[in-house]
Protein backbone atom coordinates (compact mmCIF):
# COMPACT_ATOMS: atom_id res chain seq x y z
CA MET A 1 -60.39 -1.12 -33.76
CA SER A 2 -58.89 -2.13 -37.09
CA ASN A 3 -59.79 -5.23 -39.06
CA ALA A 4 -59.55 -8.46 -37.02
CA ARG A 5 -57.34 -10.07 -39.66
CA ASP A 6 -54.87 -7.19 -39.32
CA ILE A 7 -54.45 -7.89 -35.58
CA ILE A 8 -53.68 -11.62 -35.87
CA VAL A 9 -50.52 -11.94 -37.98
CA ARG A 10 -50.09 -15.74 -37.98
CA PRO A 11 -50.32 -18.79 -35.74
CA LEU A 12 -47.06 -19.92 -34.16
CA VAL A 13 -46.60 -23.65 -34.67
CA THR A 14 -43.78 -24.96 -32.49
CA GLU A 15 -43.36 -28.01 -30.28
CA LYS A 16 -44.14 -25.90 -27.21
CA SER A 17 -47.30 -24.37 -28.72
CA ILE A 18 -48.63 -27.76 -29.86
CA LYS A 19 -48.07 -29.24 -26.39
CA SER A 20 -49.85 -26.30 -24.74
CA GLN A 21 -52.74 -26.69 -27.18
CA GLU A 22 -53.12 -30.36 -26.30
CA ALA A 23 -52.63 -30.00 -22.55
CA ALA A 24 -54.24 -26.66 -21.65
CA ASN A 25 -56.38 -25.79 -24.72
CA THR A 26 -54.11 -22.79 -25.35
CA VAL A 27 -53.29 -21.48 -28.84
CA VAL A 28 -50.35 -19.18 -29.68
CA PHE A 29 -50.52 -16.41 -32.28
CA GLU A 30 -48.15 -13.70 -33.43
CA VAL A 31 -50.04 -10.43 -33.14
CA LYS A 32 -49.50 -6.89 -34.37
CA LYS A 33 -47.50 -4.58 -32.12
CA GLY A 34 -49.60 -1.93 -30.40
CA THR A 35 -52.65 -4.14 -29.83
CA ASN A 36 -53.99 -4.92 -26.40
CA LYS A 37 -55.58 -8.01 -24.85
CA ILE A 38 -59.15 -6.84 -25.45
CA GLN A 39 -58.53 -6.26 -29.17
CA ILE A 40 -56.80 -9.65 -29.48
CA LYS A 41 -59.67 -11.43 -27.71
CA LYS A 42 -62.31 -9.83 -29.95
CA ALA A 43 -60.30 -10.60 -33.10
CA VAL A 44 -59.88 -14.30 -32.23
CA GLU A 45 -63.55 -14.65 -31.31
CA GLU A 46 -64.59 -12.97 -34.57
CA ILE A 47 -62.26 -14.93 -36.88
CA PHE A 48 -62.52 -18.42 -35.38
CA LYS A 49 -66.03 -18.22 -33.80
CA VAL A 50 -64.83 -19.53 -30.43
CA LYS A 51 -65.13 -18.36 -26.81
CA VAL A 52 -61.87 -17.02 -25.34
CA GLU A 53 -61.29 -17.47 -21.61
CA SER A 54 -58.07 -15.45 -21.19
CA VAL A 55 -55.26 -13.80 -23.15
CA ASN A 56 -51.62 -13.51 -22.09
CA VAL A 57 -49.21 -11.37 -24.10
CA VAL A 58 -45.42 -11.72 -24.39
CA ASN A 59 -43.12 -9.21 -26.10
CA GLN A 60 -40.09 -11.07 -27.46
CA ASN A 61 -37.18 -8.73 -28.10
CA ALA A 62 -34.88 -8.98 -31.12
CA LYS A 63 -31.74 -11.07 -30.69
CA ALA A 64 -28.34 -10.19 -32.15
CA LYS A 65 -27.15 -12.73 -34.71
CA ARG A 66 -23.99 -13.14 -36.80
CA MET A 67 -23.30 -14.92 -40.04
CA GLY A 68 -19.57 -14.68 -40.57
CA ARG A 69 -18.64 -11.01 -40.61
CA TYR A 70 -22.24 -9.83 -41.09
CA GLU A 71 -24.22 -8.77 -38.07
CA GLY A 72 -27.94 -8.36 -37.76
CA LYS A 73 -30.93 -8.94 -35.56
CA THR A 74 -33.90 -11.26 -35.59
CA ASN A 75 -37.36 -9.75 -35.72
CA ALA A 76 -39.00 -8.65 -32.48
CA VAL A 77 -42.31 -10.47 -32.02
CA LYS A 78 -45.43 -9.94 -29.91
CA LYS A 79 -47.01 -13.29 -28.99
CA ALA A 80 -50.50 -13.91 -27.63
CA TYR A 81 -51.22 -17.06 -25.61
CA ILE A 82 -54.98 -17.54 -25.91
CA LYS A 83 -56.74 -19.91 -23.52
CA LEU A 84 -59.98 -21.14 -25.01
CA ALA A 85 -63.12 -21.82 -22.98
CA GLU A 86 -64.23 -25.38 -22.29
CA GLY A 87 -65.70 -26.91 -25.45
CA SER A 88 -64.02 -24.43 -27.82
CA LYS A 89 -61.29 -25.65 -30.13
CA ILE A 90 -59.04 -24.24 -32.87
CA ASP A 91 -56.99 -26.62 -34.97
CA ILE A 92 -54.28 -24.31 -36.29
CA LEU A 93 -52.72 -27.02 -38.41
CA THR A 94 -55.83 -27.30 -40.63
CA ASP A 95 -57.59 -23.90 -40.25
CA LYS A 96 -56.63 -21.14 -42.66
């Protein structure tokens, strides 16, 4: 396994992720492509010193976009929805 900080790219802070954090104690991270749930779980537990209950992974494909006559694509992203165990908490707005 590579370095834990290489696996977790960044936290995703959106309205949906904040609501899931408040309601279901679930945090959303963008993770490196090619990692699996076990590696993601170990990386989060190592970095944030919390207990992870479950990990769900979503591969978001690139979308075609246009700006006038120029065409391109958005970046493809791999997201990890991490459900924390009871009593564990990560505040992604203040943690660095």
